[in-house]
């Protein structure tokens, strides 16, 4: 998503041994920042960091961010590689 444009769509996927994380973001014009994050309960501990990361790049617009985890074959259902996800998040936020 281009933060200079008021309307956009982005999708990113990351696949690992435990499964796949898919993140989608949609934005439409809005005079203030109206941020909505939809994610499974396994991402609850990370929501504040995700909000801060989004606010770093976005200042206005109605933004819907959806995060889904799909376990891979051989992974137990609902298993999220927390250390790996935390490392990705730390890399994106610069350790904030």
PDB file of N, CA and C in Angstrom:
ATOM      1  N   UNK A   1       0.851  -1.165   0.000  1.00  0.00           N
ATOM      2  CA  UNK A   1       0.000   0.000   0.000  1.00  0.00           C
ATOM      3  C   UNK A   1       0.893   1.222   0.000  1.00  0.00           C
ATOM      4  N   UNK A   2       0.595   2.169  -0.818  1.00  0.00           N
ATOM      5  CA  UNK A   2       1.356   3.402  -0.903  1.00  0.00           C
ATOM      6  C   UNK A   2       0.818   4.392   0.121  1.00  0.00           C
ATOM      7  N   UNK A   3       1.629   4.748   1.152  1.00  0.00           N
ATOM      8  CA  UNK A   3       1.102   5.640   2.187  1.00  0.00           C
ATOM      9  C   UNK A   3       0.775   7.041   1.683  1.00  0.00           C
ATOM     10  N   UNK A   4       1.193   7.398   0.471  1.00  0.00           N
ATOM     11  CA  UNK A   4       0.882   8.713  -0.069  1.00  0.00           C
ATOM     12  C   UNK A   4      -0.488   8.739  -0.763  1.00  0.00           C
ATOM     13  N   UNK A   5      -1.033   7.575  -1.022  1.00  0.00           N
ATOM     14  CA  UNK A   5      -2.334   7.459  -1.661  1.00  0.00           C
ATOM     15  C   UNK A   5      -3.384   7.166  -0.608  1.00  0.00           C
ATOM     16  N   UNK A   6      -4.573   7.693  -0.790  1.00  0.00           N
ATOM     17  CA  UNK A   6      -5.629   7.487   0.191  1.00  0.00           C
ATOM     18  C   UNK A   6      -6.365   6.166  -0.016  1.00  0.00           C
ATOM     19  N   UNK A   7      -6.262   5.571  -1.189  1.00  0.00           N
ATOM     20  CA  UNK A   7      -6.949   4.324  -1.467  1.00  0.00           C
ATOM     21  C   UNK A   7      -5.926   3.295  -1.924  1.00  0.00           C
ATOM     22  N   UNK A   8      -5.979   2.099  -1.331  1.00  0.00           N
ATOM     23  CA  UNK A   8      -5.015   1.091  -1.749  1.00  0.00           C
ATOM     24  C   UNK A   8      -5.317  -0.262  -1.151  1.00  0.00           C
ATOM     25  N   UNK A   9      -4.577  -1.246  -1.626  1.00  0.00           N
ATOM     26  CA  UNK A   9      -4.700  -2.614  -1.151  1.00  0.00           C
ATOM     27  C   UNK A   9      -3.322  -3.249  -1.206  1.00  0.00           C
ATOM     28  N   UNK A  10      -2.983  -4.017  -0.181  1.00  0.00           N
ATOM     29  CA  UNK A  10      -1.706  -4.735  -0.166  1.00  0.00           C
ATOM     30  C   UNK A  10      -1.927  -6.100   0.467  1.00  0.00           C
ATOM     31  N   UNK A  11      -1.125  -7.055   0.032  1.00  0.00           N
ATOM     32  CA  UNK A  11      -1.179  -8.397   0.603  1.00  0.00           C
ATOM     33  C   UNK A  11       0.243  -8.934   0.667  1.00  0.00           C
ATOM     34  N   UNK A  12       0.575  -9.530   1.809  1.00  0.00           N
ATOM     35  CA  UNK A  12       1.895 -10.140   1.977  1.00  0.00           C
ATOM     36  C   UNK A  12       1.720 -11.497   2.630  1.00  0.00           C
ATOM     37  N   UNK A  13       2.554 -12.447   2.208  1.00  0.00           N
ATOM     38  CA  UNK A  13       2.531 -13.796   2.781  1.00  0.00           C
ATOM     39  C   UNK A  13       3.942 -14.167   3.212  1.00  0.00           C
ATOM     40  N   UNK A  14       4.026 -14.874   4.323  1.00  0.00           N
ATOM     41  CA  UNK A  14       5.308 -15.402   4.779  1.00  0.00           C
ATOM     42  C   UNK A  14       5.061 -16.838   5.197  1.00  0.00           C
ATOM     43  N   UNK A  15       5.803 -17.749   4.588  1.00  0.00           N
ATOM     44  CA  UNK A  15       5.637 -19.165   4.874  1.00  0.00           C
ATOM     45  C   UNK A  15       6.859 -19.680   5.615  1.00  0.00           C
ATOM     46  N   UNK A  16       6.615 -20.466   6.648  1.00  0.00           N
ATOM     47  CA  UNK A  16       7.686 -21.082   7.423  1.00  0.00           C
ATOM     48  C   UNK A  16       7.312 -22.505   7.761  1.00  0.00           C
ATOM     49  N   UNK A  17       8.107 -23.146   8.592  1.00  0.00           N
ATOM     50  CA  UNK A  17       7.881 -24.533   8.961  1.00  0.00           C
ATOM     51  C   UNK A  17       6.566 -24.760   9.684  1.00  0.00           C
ATOM     52  N   UNK A  18       6.105 -23.761  10.459  1.00  0.00           N
ATOM     53  CA  UNK A  18       4.864 -23.920  11.225  1.00  0.00           C
ATOM     54  C   UNK A  18       3.631 -23.627  10.388  1.00  0.00           C
ATOM     55  N   UNK A  19       3.797 -22.913   9.281  1.00  0.00           N
ATOM     56  CA  UNK A  19       2.649 -22.570   8.451  1.00  0.00           C
ATOM     57  C   UNK A  19       2.864 -21.259   7.724  1.00  0.00           C
ATOM     58  N   UNK A  20       1.765 -20.585   7.453  1.00  0.00           N
ATOM     59  CA  UNK A  20       1.813 -19.368   6.651  1.00  0.00           C
ATOM     60  C   UNK A  20       1.050 -18.240   7.355  1.00  0.00           C
ATOM     61  N   UNK A  21       1.626 -17.048   7.340  1.00  0.00           N
ATOM     62  CA  UNK A  21       0.956 -15.848   7.839  1.00  0.00           C
ATOM     63  C   UNK A  21       0.629 -14.992   6.626  1.00  0.00           C
ATOM     64  N   UNK A  22      -0.636 -14.574   6.525  1.00  0.00           N
ATOM     65  CA  UNK A  22      -1.084 -13.710   5.426  1.00  0.00           C
ATOM     66  C   UNK A  22      -1.589 -12.408   6.039  1.00  0.00           C
ATOM     67  N   UNK A  23      -1.066 -11.284   5.553  1.00  0.00           N
ATOM     68  CA  UNK A  23      -1.481  -9.967   6.022  1.00  0.00           C
ATOM     69  C   UNK A  23      -2.043  -9.203   4.835  1.00  0.00           C
ATOM     70  N   UNK A  24      -3.255  -8.672   4.977  1.00  0.00           N
ATOM     71  CA  UNK A  24      -3.834  -7.812   3.949  1.00  0.00           C
ATOM     72  C   UNK A  24      -4.161  -6.466   4.582  1.00  0.00           C
ATOM     73  N   UNK A  25      -4.051  -5.426   3.787  1.00  0.00           N
ATOM     74  CA  UNK A  25      -4.372  -4.075   4.247  1.00  0.00           C
ATOM     75  C   UNK A  25      -5.167  -3.377   3.154  1.00  0.00           C
ATOM     76  N   UNK A  26      -6.258  -2.735   3.555  1.00  0.00           N
ATOM     77  CA  UNK A  26      -7.081  -1.960   2.636  1.00  0.00           C
ATOM     78  C   UNK A  26      -7.251  -0.568   3.221  1.00  0.00           C
ATOM     79  N   UNK A  27      -7.200   0.434   2.364  1.00  0.00           N
ATOM     80  CA  UNK A  27      -7.407   1.802   2.845  1.00  0.00           C
ATOM     81  C   UNK A  27      -8.336   2.554   1.895  1.00  0.00           C
ATOM     82  N   UNK A  28      -9.134   3.429   2.488  1.00  0.00           N
ATOM     83  CA  UNK A  28      -9.965   4.362   1.729  1.00  0.00           C
ATOM     84  C   UNK A  28      -9.845   5.725   2.383  1.00  0.00           C
ATOM     85  N   UNK A  29     -10.243   6.754   1.656  1.00  0.00           N
ATOM     86  CA  UNK A  29     -10.112   8.124   2.118  1.00  0.00           C
ATOM     87  C   UNK A  29     -10.887   8.340   3.419  1.00  0.00           C
ATOM     88  N   UNK A  30     -10.260   9.039   4.344  1.00  0.00           N
ATOM     89  CA  UNK A  30     -10.878   9.422   5.609  1.00  0.00           C
ATOM     90  C   UNK A  30     -10.032  10.560   6.162  1.00  0.00           C
ATOM     91  N   UNK A  31     -10.648  11.546   6.774  1.00  0.00           N
ATOM     92  CA  UNK A  31      -9.870  12.720   7.193  1.00  0.00           C
ATOM     93  C   UNK A  31      -8.975  12.468   8.393  1.00  0.00           C
ATOM     94  N   UNK A  32      -9.231  11.414   9.156  1.00  0.00           N
ATOM     95  CA  UNK A  32      -8.379  11.052  10.288  1.00  0.00           C
ATOM     96  C   UNK A  32      -7.944   9.603  10.133  1.00  0.00           C
ATOM     97  N   UNK A  33      -7.096   9.149  11.010  1.00  0.00           N
ATOM     98  CA  UNK A  33      -6.684   7.748  10.971  1.00  0.00           C
ATOM     99  C   UNK A  33      -7.706   6.902  11.723  1.00  0.00           C
ATOM    100  N   UNK A  34      -8.337   5.990  11.004  1.00  0.00           N
ATOM    101  CA  UNK A  34      -9.339   5.074  11.560  1.00  0.00           C
ATOM    102  C   UNK A  34      -8.820   3.666  11.298  1.00  0.00           C
ATOM    103  N   UNK A  35      -8.075   3.129  12.260  1.00  0.00           N
ATOM    104  CA  UNK A  35      -7.340   1.883  12.090  1.00  0.00           C
ATOM    105  C   UNK A  35      -8.088   0.717  12.726  1.00  0.00           C
ATOM    106  N   UNK A  36      -8.290  -0.348  11.947  1.00  0.00           N
ATOM    107  CA  UNK A  36      -8.954  -1.562  12.434  1.00  0.00           C
ATOM    108  C   UNK A  36      -8.045  -2.748  12.140  1.00  0.00           C
ATOM    109  N   UNK A  37      -7.715  -3.504  13.195  1.00  0.00           N
ATOM    110  CA  UNK A  37      -6.876  -4.689  13.034  1.00  0.00           C
ATOM    111  C   UNK A  37      -7.719  -5.912  13.367  1.00  0.00           C
ATOM    112  N   UNK A  38      -7.797  -6.827  12.431  1.00  0.00           N
ATOM    113  CA  UNK A  38      -8.550  -8.077  12.594  1.00  0.00           C
ATOM    114  C   UNK A  38      -7.543  -9.220  12.548  1.00  0.00           C
ATOM    115  N   UNK A  39      -7.394  -9.910  13.675  1.00  0.00           N
ATOM    116  CA  UNK A  39      -6.426 -11.002  13.733  1.00  0.00           C
ATOM    117  C   UNK A  39      -6.909 -12.039  14.730  1.00  0.00           C
ATOM    118  N   UNK A  40      -6.386 -13.234  14.603  1.00  0.00           N
ATOM    119  CA  UNK A  40      -6.728 -14.294  15.542  1.00  0.00           C
ATOM    120  C   UNK A  40      -6.181 -13.997  16.926  1.00  0.00           C
ATOM    121  N   UNK A  41      -6.690 -14.702  17.902  1.00  0.00           N
ATOM    122  CA  UNK A  41      -6.288 -14.455  19.290  1.00  0.00           C
ATOM    123  C   UNK A  41      -4.798 -14.705  19.520  1.00  0.00           C
ATOM    124  N   UNK A  42      -4.167 -15.510  18.690  1.00  0.00           N
ATOM    125  CA  UNK A  42      -2.735 -15.753  18.859  1.00  0.00           C
ATOM    126  C   UNK A  42      -1.905 -14.490  18.615  1.00  0.00           C
ATOM    127  N   UNK A  43      -2.507 -13.469  17.976  1.00  0.00           N
ATOM    128  CA  UNK A  43      -1.804 -12.216  17.712  1.00  0.00           C
ATOM    129  C   UNK A  43      -2.138 -11.122  18.729  1.00  0.00           C
ATOM    130  N   UNK A  44      -3.010 -11.399  19.696  1.00  0.00           N
ATOM    131  CA  UNK A  44      -3.399 -10.398  20.689  1.00  0.00           C
ATOM    132  C   UNK A  44      -2.211  -9.731  21.380  1.00  0.00           C
ATOM    133  N   UNK A  45      -1.183 -10.476  21.793  1.00  0.00           N
ATOM    134  CA  UNK A  45      -0.067  -9.807  22.479  1.00  0.00           C
ATOM    135  C   UNK A  45       0.687  -8.811  21.602  1.00  0.00           C
ATOM    136  N   UNK A  46       0.534  -8.915  20.283  1.00  0.00           N
ATOM    137  CA  UNK A  46       1.289  -8.073  19.358  1.00  0.00           C
ATOM    138  C   UNK A  46       0.495  -6.884  18.820  1.00  0.00           C
ATOM    139  N   UNK A  47      -0.791  -6.801  19.158  1.00  0.00           N
ATOM    140  CA  UNK A  47      -1.617  -5.739  18.586  1.00  0.00           C
ATOM    141  C   UNK A  47      -1.088  -4.339  18.871  1.00  0.00           C
ATOM    142  N   UNK A  48      -0.655  -4.015  20.093  1.00  0.00           N
ATOM    143  CA  UNK A  48      -0.126  -2.658  20.310  1.00  0.00           C
ATOM    144  C   UNK A  48       1.071  -2.338  19.415  1.00  0.00           C
ATOM    145  N   UNK A  49       1.987  -3.289  19.256  1.00  0.00           N
ATOM    146  CA  UNK A  49       3.144  -3.056  18.388  1.00  0.00           C
ATOM    147  C   UNK A  49       2.718  -2.920  16.932  1.00  0.00           C
ATOM    148  N   UNK A  50       1.730  -3.708  16.504  1.00  0.00           N
ATOM    149  CA  UNK A  50       1.231  -3.601  15.137  1.00  0.00           C
ATOM    150  C   UNK A  50       0.570  -2.246  14.905  1.00  0.00           C
ATOM    151  N   UNK A  51      -0.199  -1.768  15.890  1.00  0.00           N
ATOM    152  CA  UNK A  51      -0.823  -0.441  15.778  1.00  0.00           C
ATOM    153  C   UNK A  51       0.234   0.654  15.661  1.00  0.00           C
ATOM    154  N   UNK A  52       1.251   0.577  16.517  1.00  0.00           N
ATOM    155  CA  UNK A  52       2.319   1.585  16.467  1.00  0.00           C
ATOM    156  C   UNK A  52       3.060   1.547  15.144  1.00  0.00           C
ATOM    157  N   UNK A  53       3.295   0.349  14.620  1.00  0.00           N
ATOM    158  CA  UNK A  53       3.962   0.220  13.324  1.00  0.00           C
ATOM    159  C   UNK A  53       3.119   0.866  12.231  1.00  0.00           C
ATOM    160  N   UNK A  54       1.813   0.593  12.220  1.00  0.00           N
ATOM    161  CA  UNK A  54       0.933   1.188  11.207  1.00  0.00           C
ATOM    162  C   UNK A  54       0.926   2.709  11.332  1.00  0.00           C
ATOM    163  N   UNK A  55       0.882   3.226  12.563  1.00  0.00           N
ATOM    164  CA  UNK A  55       0.851   4.682  12.778  1.00  0.00           C
ATOM    165  C   UNK A  55       2.154   5.357  12.349  1.00  0.00           C
ATOM    166  N   UNK A  56       3.242   4.587  12.316  1.00  0.00           N
ATOM    167  CA  UNK A  56       4.515   5.121  11.853  1.00  0.00           C
ATOM    168  C   UNK A  56       4.432   5.514  10.376  1.00  0.00           C
ATOM    169  N   UNK A  57       3.683   4.741   9.606  1.00  0.00           N
ATOM    170  CA  UNK A  57       3.609   4.949   8.161  1.00  0.00           C
ATOM    171  C   UNK A  57       2.337   5.638   7.695  1.00  0.00           C
ATOM    172  N   UNK A  58       1.298   5.664   8.510  1.00  0.00           N
ATOM    173  CA  UNK A  58       0.002   6.181   8.089  1.00  0.00           C
ATOM    174  C   UNK A  58      -0.464   7.287   9.023  1.00  0.00           C
ATOM    175  N   UNK A  59      -1.036   8.338   8.451  1.00  0.00           N
ATOM    176  CA  UNK A  59      -1.526   9.430   9.293  1.00  0.00           C
ATOM    177  C   UNK A  59      -3.015   9.666   9.113  1.00  0.00           C
ATOM    178  N   UNK A  60      -3.589   9.147   8.040  1.00  0.00           N
ATOM    179  CA  UNK A  60      -5.026   9.301   7.837  1.00  0.00           C
ATOM    180  C   UNK A  60      -5.543   8.200   6.926  1.00  0.00           C
ATOM    181  N   UNK A  61      -6.867   8.061   6.908  1.00  0.00           N
ATOM    182  CA  UNK A  61      -7.514   7.054   6.086  1.00  0.00           C
ATOM    183  C   UNK A  61      -8.201   6.016   6.962  1.00  0.00           C
ATOM    184  N   UNK A  62      -9.200   5.349   6.384  1.00  0.00           N
ATOM    185  CA  UNK A  62      -9.846   4.205   7.038  1.00  0.00           C
ATOM    186  C   UNK A  62      -9.057   2.989   6.614  1.00  0.00           C
ATOM    187  N   UNK A  63      -8.380   2.352   7.567  1.00  0.00           N
ATOM    188  CA  UNK A  63      -7.456   1.264   7.266  1.00  0.00           C
ATOM    189  C   UNK A  63      -7.953  -0.022   7.928  1.00  0.00           C
ATOM    190  N   UNK A  64      -8.103  -1.074   7.139  1.00  0.00           N
ATOM    191  CA  UNK A  64      -8.426  -2.406   7.647  1.00  0.00           C
ATOM    192  C   UNK A  64      -7.216  -3.295   7.432  1.00  0.00           C
ATOM    193  N   UNK A  65      -6.675  -3.832   8.521  1.00  0.00           N
ATOM    194  CA  UNK A  65      -5.555  -4.766   8.446  1.00  0.00           C
ATOM    195  C   UNK A  65      -6.046  -6.110   8.958  1.00  0.00           C
ATOM    196  N   UNK A  66      -5.868  -7.141   8.151  1.00  0.00           N
ATOM    197  CA  UNK A  66      -6.290  -8.490   8.526  1.00  0.00           C
ATOM    198  C   UNK A  66      -5.062  -9.394   8.523  1.00  0.00           C
ATOM    199  N   UNK A  67      -4.960 -10.186   9.604  1.00  0.00           N
ATOM    200  CA  UNK A  67      -3.838 -11.111   9.740  1.00  0.00           C
ATOM    201  C   UNK A  67      -4.408 -12.499   9.970  1.00  0.00           C
ATOM    202  N   UNK A  68      -3.959 -13.448   9.165  1.00  0.00           N
ATOM    203  CA  UNK A  68      -4.439 -14.822   9.292  1.00  0.00           C
ATOM    204  C   UNK A  68      -3.240 -15.761   9.361  1.00  0.00           C
ATOM    205  N   UNK A  69      -3.349 -16.767  10.220  1.00  0.00           N
ATOM    206  CA  UNK A  69      -2.331 -17.804  10.314  1.00  0.00           C
ATOM    207  C   UNK A  69      -2.930 -19.117   9.849  1.00  0.00           C
ATOM    208  N   UNK A  70      -2.237 -19.782   8.928  1.00  0.00           N
ATOM    209  CA  UNK A  70      -2.675 -21.069   8.402  1.00  0.00           C
ATOM    210  C   UNK A  70      -1.590 -22.100   8.712  1.00  0.00           C
ATOM    211  N   UNK A  71      -1.874 -23.045   9.628  1.00  0.00           N
ATOM    212  CA  UNK A  71      -0.859 -24.049   9.972  1.00  0.00           C
ATOM    213  C   UNK A  71      -0.456 -24.864   8.747  1.00  0.00           C
ATOM    214  N   UNK A  72       0.806 -25.190   8.684  1.00  0.00           N
ATOM    215  CA  UNK A  72       1.302 -26.021   7.593  1.00  0.00           C
ATOM    216  C   UNK A  72       1.056 -27.484   7.872  1.00  0.00           C
ATOM    217  N   UNK A  73       1.330 -28.319   6.895  1.00  0.00           N
ATOM    218  CA  UNK A  73       1.185 -29.756   7.100  1.00  0.00           C
ATOM    219  C   UNK A  73       2.222 -30.200   8.117  1.00  0.00           C
ATOM    220  N   UNK A  74       1.801 -30.989   9.043  1.00  0.00           N
ATOM    221  CA  UNK A  74       2.705 -31.459  10.087  1.00  0.00           C
ATOM    222  C   UNK A  74       2.754 -30.535  11.295  1.00  0.00           C
ATOM    223  N   UNK A  75       2.260 -29.313  11.148  1.00  0.00           N
ATOM    224  CA  UNK A  75       2.222 -28.389  12.289  1.00  0.00           C
ATOM    225  C   UNK A  75       0.929 -28.630  13.047  1.00  0.00           C
ATOM    226  N   UNK A  76       0.978 -28.490  14.340  1.00  0.00           N
ATOM    227  CA  UNK A  76      -0.259 -28.680  15.098  1.00  0.00           C
ATOM    228  C   UNK A  76      -1.163 -27.478  14.857  1.00  0.00           C
ATOM    229  N   UNK A  77      -2.448 -27.708  14.856  1.00  0.00           N
ATOM    230  CA  UNK A  77      -3.415 -26.655  14.551  1.00  0.00           C
ATOM    231  C   UNK A  77      -3.235 -25.475  15.488  1.00  0.00           C
ATOM    232  N   UNK A  78      -3.193 -24.295  14.912  1.00  0.00           N
ATOM    233  CA  UNK A  78      -3.093 -23.069  15.704  1.00  0.00           C
ATOM    234  C   UNK A  78      -1.700 -22.760  16.185  1.00  0.00           C
ATOM    235  N   UNK A  79      -0.697 -23.522  15.785  1.00  0.00           N
ATOM    236  CA  UNK A  79       0.663 -23.292  16.250  1.00  0.00           C
ATOM    237  C   UNK A  79       1.279 -22.106  15.510  1.00  0.00           C
ATOM    238  N   UNK A  80       1.730 -21.151  16.263  1.00  0.00           N
ATOM    239  CA  UNK A  80       2.401 -19.986  15.708  1.00  0.00           C
ATOM    240  C   UNK A  80       3.820 -19.977  16.240  1.00  0.00           C
ATOM    241  N   UNK A  81       4.784 -19.798  15.369  1.00  0.00           N
ATOM    242  CA  UNK A  81       6.171 -19.712  15.787  1.00  0.00           C
ATOM    243  C   UNK A  81       6.383 -18.314  16.372  1.00  0.00           C
ATOM    244  N   UNK A  82       6.105 -18.174  17.666  1.00  0.00           N
ATOM    245  CA  UNK A  82       6.162 -16.865  18.335  1.00  0.00           C
ATOM    246  C   UNK A  82       7.538 -16.215  18.251  1.00  0.00           C
ATOM    247  N   UNK A  83       8.631 -16.949  18.513  1.00  0.00           N
ATOM    248  CA  UNK A  83       9.937 -16.293  18.412  1.00  0.00           C
ATOM    249  C   UNK A  83      10.204 -15.722  17.017  1.00  0.00           C
ATOM    250  N   UNK A  84       9.803 -16.457  15.986  1.00  0.00           N
ATOM    251  CA  UNK A  84      10.005 -15.974  14.624  1.00  0.00           C
ATOM    252  C   UNK A  84       9.134 -14.755  14.344  1.00  0.00           C
ATOM    253  N   UNK A  85       7.855 -14.793  14.766  1.00  0.00           N
ATOM    254  CA  UNK A  85       6.971 -13.650  14.552  1.00  0.00           C
ATOM    255  C   UNK A  85       7.491 -12.427  15.306  1.00  0.00           C
ATOM    256  N   UNK A  86       7.962 -12.623  16.539  1.00  0.00           N
ATOM    257  CA  UNK A  86       8.509 -11.511  17.321  1.00  0.00           C
ATOM    258  C   UNK A  86       9.752 -10.940  16.646  1.00  0.00           C
ATOM    259  N   UNK A  87      10.565 -11.797  16.040  1.00  0.00           N
ATOM    260  CA  UNK A  87      11.751 -11.317  15.329  1.00  0.00           C
ATOM    261  C   UNK A  87      11.359 -10.481  14.120  1.00  0.00           C
ATOM    262  N   UNK A  88      10.348 -10.924  13.358  1.00  0.00           N
ATOM    263  CA  UNK A  88       9.873 -10.127  12.219  1.00  0.00           C
ATOM    264  C   UNK A  88       9.340  -8.786  12.685  1.00  0.00           C
ATOM    265  N   UNK A  89       8.550  -8.802  13.749  1.00  0.00           N
ATOM    266  CA  UNK A  89       7.979  -7.574  14.271  1.00  0.00           C
ATOM    267  C   UNK A  89       9.056  -6.627  14.778  1.00  0.00           C
ATOM    268  N   UNK A  90      10.052  -7.151  15.485  1.00  0.00           N
ATOM    269  CA  UNK A  90      11.148  -6.331  15.984  1.00  0.00           C
ATOM    270  C   UNK A  90      11.940  -5.726  14.821  1.00  0.00           C
ATOM    271  N   UNK A  91      12.126  -6.501  13.754  1.00  0.00           N
ATOM    272  CA  UNK A  91      12.843  -5.981  12.591  1.00  0.00           C
ATOM    273  C   UNK A  91      12.087  -4.831  11.948  1.00  0.00           C
ATOM    274  N   UNK A  92      10.764  -4.927  11.876  1.00  0.00           N
ATOM    275  CA  UNK A  92       9.953  -3.880  11.269  1.00  0.00           C
ATOM    276  C   UNK A  92       9.849  -2.639  12.138  1.00  0.00           C
ATOM    277  N   UNK A  93       9.841  -2.811  13.443  1.00  0.00           N
ATOM    278  CA  UNK A  93       9.676  -1.664  14.341  1.00  0.00           C
ATOM    279  C   UNK A  93      11.008  -1.116  14.801  1.00  0.00           C
ATOM    280  N   UNK A  94      12.089  -1.737  14.406  1.00  0.00           N
ATOM    281  CA  UNK A  94      13.401  -1.267  14.827  1.00  0.00           C
ATOM    282  C   UNK A  94      13.659  -1.520  16.310  1.00  0.00           C
ATOM    283  N   UNK A  95      12.992  -2.535  16.861  1.00  0.00           N
ATOM    284  CA  UNK A  95      13.181  -2.874  18.264  1.00  0.00           C
ATOM    285  C   UNK A  95      12.356  -2.045  19.224  1.00  0.00           C
ATOM    286  N   UNK A  96      11.440  -1.192  18.683  1.00  0.00           N
ATOM    287  CA  UNK A  96      10.611  -0.345  19.561  1.00  0.00           C
ATOM    288  C   UNK A  96       9.633  -1.140  20.332  1.00  0.00           C
TER     289      UNK A  96
END
